[in-house]
Amino acid sequence: MALNPELIEILACPKCKGALKLRGDESAFECGSCKLAYLVVDDIPNFILEEAQPLG
């Protein structure tokens, strides 16, 4: 089940409220400003700030 494109367009980073980019494999949303990745597990994005992973 793919993520809804309309939903993806309105999502924002929970930390800085900036734009998010979905990885090509749809495994995570990335925030370039905060350098954090929010994982997608079983087609459900996890936007809990404490569970975000650092990029790089």
C-alpha atoms as a PDB file:
ATOM      1  CA  MET A   1       0.000   0.000   0.000  1.00  0.00           C
ATOM      2  CA  ALA A   2       1.649   3.216  -1.153  1.00  0.00           C
ATOM      3  CA  LEU A   3       1.517   6.449   0.775  1.00  0.00           C
ATOM      4  CA  ASN A   4      -1.130   8.922  -0.365  1.00  0.00           C
ATOM      5  CA  PRO A   5       0.541  11.612  -2.567  1.00  0.00           C
ATOM      6  CA  GLU A   6      -1.911  14.289  -1.372  1.00  0.00           C
ATOM      7  CA  LEU A   7      -0.975  13.550   2.237  1.00  0.00           C
ATOM      8  CA  ILE A   8       2.751  13.633   1.460  1.00  0.00           C
ATOM      9  CA  GLU A   9       2.425  17.176   0.072  1.00  0.00           C
ATOM     10  CA  ILE A  10       1.039  18.618   3.327  1.00  0.00           C
ATOM     11  CA  LEU A  11       3.309  16.868   5.834  1.00  0.00           C
ATOM     12  CA  ALA A  12       5.836  18.989   7.720  1.00  0.00           C
ATOM     13  CA  CYS A  13       8.745  18.299  10.025  1.00  0.00           C
ATOM     14  CA  PRO A  14       7.512  18.092  13.630  1.00  0.00           C
ATOM     15  CA  LYS A  15      10.629  19.913  14.871  1.00  0.00           C
ATOM     16  CA  CYS A  16      11.031  22.884  12.502  1.00  0.00           C
ATOM     17  CA  LYS A  17       7.726  22.722  10.558  1.00  0.00           C
ATOM     18  CA  GLY A  18       9.768  22.713   7.332  1.00  0.00           C
ATOM     19  CA  ALA A  19       9.259  20.668   4.190  1.00  0.00           C
ATOM     20  CA  LEU A  20       9.952  16.950   4.159  1.00  0.00           C
ATOM     21  CA  LYS A  21      11.265  14.824   1.331  1.00  0.00           C
ATOM     22  CA  LEU A  22      10.157  11.214   0.944  1.00  0.00           C
ATOM     23  CA  ARG A  23      12.974   8.807   0.136  1.00  0.00           C
ATOM     24  CA  GLY A  24      12.689   7.069  -3.225  1.00  0.00           C
ATOM     25  CA  ASP A  25      12.086   3.715  -1.553  1.00  0.00           C
ATOM     26  CA  GLU A  26       9.435   5.303   0.733  1.00  0.00           C
ATOM     27  CA  SER A  27      11.285   4.076   3.827  1.00  0.00           C
ATOM     28  CA  ALA A  28      11.523   7.487   5.521  1.00  0.00           C
ATOM     29  CA  PHE A  29      10.795  11.190   5.350  1.00  0.00           C
ATOM     30  CA  GLU A  30      13.858  13.415   5.555  1.00  0.00           C
ATOM     31  CA  CYS A  31      14.177  16.964   6.834  1.00  0.00           C
ATOM     32  CA  GLY A  32      17.135  18.763   5.267  1.00  0.00           C
ATOM     33  CA  SER A  33      17.028  21.588   7.812  1.00  0.00           C
ATOM     34  CA  CYS A  34      17.040  19.435  10.935  1.00  0.00           C
ATOM     35  CA  LYS A  35      19.066  16.613   9.338  1.00  0.00           C
ATOM     36  CA  LEU A  36      16.585  14.045  10.683  1.00  0.00           C
ATOM     37  CA  ALA A  37      14.864  11.042   9.135  1.00  0.00           C
ATOM     38  CA  TYR A  38      11.394   9.915  10.207  1.00  0.00           C
ATOM     39  CA  LEU A  39      10.954   6.235   9.396  1.00  0.00           C
ATOM     40  CA  VAL A  40       7.938   4.740   7.648  1.00  0.00           C
ATOM     41  CA  VAL A  41       7.009   1.352   9.137  1.00  0.00           C
ATOM     42  CA  ASP A  42       4.240  -0.762   7.604  1.00  0.00           C
ATOM     43  CA  ASP A  43       3.219   2.262   5.478  1.00  0.00           C
ATOM     44  CA  ILE A  44       2.766   4.393   8.622  1.00  0.00           C
ATOM     45  CA  PRO A  45       5.052   7.431   9.042  1.00  0.00           C
ATOM     46  CA  ASN A  46       6.491   7.779  12.554  1.00  0.00           C
ATOM     47  CA  PHE A  47       6.813  11.472  13.365  1.00  0.00           C
ATOM     48  CA  ILE A  48       7.733  11.054  17.040  1.00  0.00           C
ATOM     49  CA  LEU A  49      10.656  13.453  17.399  1.00  0.00           C
ATOM     50  CA  GLU A  50      12.478  11.317  19.965  1.00  0.00           C
ATOM     51  CA  GLU A  51      12.463   8.354  17.542  1.00  0.00           C
ATOM     52  CA  ALA A  52      13.821  10.290  14.540  1.00  0.00           C
ATOM     53  CA  GLN A  53      17.215   9.221  13.217  1.00  0.00           C
ATOM     54  CA  PRO A  54      20.043  11.591  12.301  1.00  0.00           C
ATOM     55  CA  LEU A  55      20.896  11.837   8.600  1.00  0.00           C
ATOM     56  CA  GLY A  56      24.377  11.064   7.409  1.00  0.00           C
END
